[in-house]
Amino acid sequence: MQRYQRALELDHQNYRAYYKLGFVAYQMGQFASADQAFMCALVLRPDSVEALVNLGAAEYQLGSPATARQLWEKALLLDPECTIAKNNLAQLRQQGR
């Protein structure tokens, strides 16, 4: 995690560092930090399917399934074959959300 933070100190426009920071934070259960990092990544690359999918997962974990749905639907508009977004949306439907 420190590696990515250091990379961002050197370059605030480093999409990959924001994305990786979000991914590591998510894996550590730090969903609010992951959410913030993925949002920063999306500012730099608004059409990043991977950032949309992972931001959706963070939003879901933070108790915002409606926001997660919107993010996953946007990911599918950009990449109709995105299996993760499809699966996540199917799980929401099964949960009645």
Protein backbone atom coordinates (compact mmCIF):
# COMPACT_ATOMS: atom_id res chain seq x y z
CA MET A 1 0.00 0.00 0.00
CA GLN A 2 2.84 2.38 0.83
CA ARG A 3 4.34 1.76 -2.58
CA TYR A 4 1.23 3.11 -4.31
CA GLN A 5 0.93 6.04 -1.91
CA ARG A 6 4.55 6.95 -2.68
CA ALA A 7 3.85 6.70 -6.41
CA LEU A 8 0.97 9.15 -5.97
CA GLU A 9 3.17 11.56 -4.05
CA LEU A 10 5.40 11.64 -7.11
CA ASP A 11 2.59 11.74 -9.69
CA HIS A 12 -0.99 12.66 -8.78
CA GLN A 13 -2.08 11.68 -12.28
CA ASN A 14 -1.04 8.03 -11.88
CA TYR A 15 -4.20 6.07 -12.70
CA ARG A 16 -2.60 2.69 -12.00
CA ALA A 17 -1.43 3.74 -8.53
CA TYR A 18 -4.95 4.91 -7.58
CA TYR A 19 -6.43 1.72 -8.95
CA LYS A 20 -3.94 -0.54 -7.15
CA LEU A 21 -4.32 1.45 -3.92
CA GLY A 22 -8.07 0.90 -4.14
CA PHE A 23 -7.64 -2.78 -4.86
CA VAL A 24 -5.32 -3.30 -1.88
CA ALA A 25 -7.57 -1.29 0.42
CA TYR A 26 -10.57 -3.35 -0.68
CA GLN A 27 -8.72 -6.60 -0.03
CA MET A 28 -7.89 -5.32 3.46
CA GLY A 29 -11.56 -4.55 4.14
CA GLN A 30 -10.95 -0.80 4.05
CA PHE A 31 -13.94 -0.13 1.81
CA ALA A 32 -14.14 3.65 2.32
CA SER A 33 -10.47 4.04 1.37
CA ALA A 34 -10.99 1.75 -1.61
CA ASP A 35 -14.01 3.79 -2.65
CA GLN A 36 -12.01 7.00 -2.57
CA ALA A 37 -9.08 5.54 -4.51
CA PHE A 38 -11.33 4.06 -7.22
CA MET A 39 -13.12 7.41 -7.56
CA CYS A 40 -9.78 9.12 -8.09
CA ALA A 41 -8.90 6.53 -10.70
CA LEU A 42 -12.16 7.24 -12.50
CA VAL A 43 -11.48 10.96 -12.56
CA LEU A 44 -8.36 10.14 -14.56
CA ARG A 45 -10.01 7.45 -16.72
CA PRO A 46 -13.81 7.82 -16.66
CA ASP A 47 -14.27 4.85 -19.00
CA SER A 48 -12.24 2.37 -16.97
CA VAL A 49 -14.36 -0.74 -16.69
CA GLU A 50 -12.09 -2.22 -14.01
CA ALA A 51 -12.38 0.89 -11.83
CA LEU A 52 -16.17 1.03 -12.31
CA VAL A 53 -16.58 -2.62 -11.33
CA ASN A 54 -14.40 -2.27 -8.26
CA LEU A 55 -15.94 1.02 -7.18
CA GLY A 56 -19.29 -0.73 -7.45
CA ALA A 57 -18.03 -3.49 -5.16
CA ALA A 58 -16.80 -0.94 -2.62
CA GLU A 59 -20.12 0.91 -2.75
CA TYR A 60 -21.96 -2.36 -2.22
CA GLN A 61 -19.81 -3.15 0.81
CA LEU A 62 -20.51 0.34 2.16
CA GLY A 63 -24.25 -0.34 1.98
CA SER A 64 -25.10 1.41 -1.29
CA PRO A 65 -26.44 -1.31 -3.60
CA ALA A 66 -28.27 1.21 -5.81
CA THR A 67 -25.02 3.05 -6.53
CA ALA A 68 -23.26 -0.27 -7.09
CA ARG A 69 -25.95 -1.23 -9.61
CA GLN A 70 -25.47 2.03 -11.54
CA LEU A 71 -21.71 1.54 -11.68
CA TRP A 72 -21.97 -2.07 -12.84
CA GLU A 73 -24.56 -1.11 -15.46
CA LYS A 74 -22.21 1.61 -16.75
CA ALA A 75 -19.39 -0.94 -16.89
CA LEU A 76 -21.60 -3.18 -19.03
CA LEU A 77 -22.40 -0.33 -21.39
CA LEU A 78 -18.67 0.10 -21.93
CA ASP A 79 -17.94 -3.64 -22.06
CA PRO A 80 -21.03 -5.82 -22.64
CA GLU A 81 -18.91 -8.94 -22.01
CA CYS A 82 -17.76 -7.90 -18.51
CA THR A 83 -18.45 -11.11 -16.60
CA ILE A 84 -17.86 -9.62 -13.16
CA ALA A 85 -20.40 -6.83 -13.72
CA LYS A 86 -22.91 -9.35 -15.11
CA ASN A 87 -22.45 -11.66 -12.12
CA ASN A 88 -22.69 -8.83 -9.59
CA LEU A 89 -25.92 -7.56 -11.16
CA ALA A 90 -27.35 -11.08 -11.17
CA GLN A 91 -26.58 -11.40 -7.46
CA LEU A 92 -28.36 -8.10 -6.79
CA ARG A 93 -31.41 -9.38 -8.66
CA GLN A 94 -31.38 -12.60 -6.64
CA GLN A 95 -31.29 -10.53 -3.46
CA GLY A 96 -34.24 -8.49 -4.72
CA ARG A 97 -32.24 -5.26 -4.87
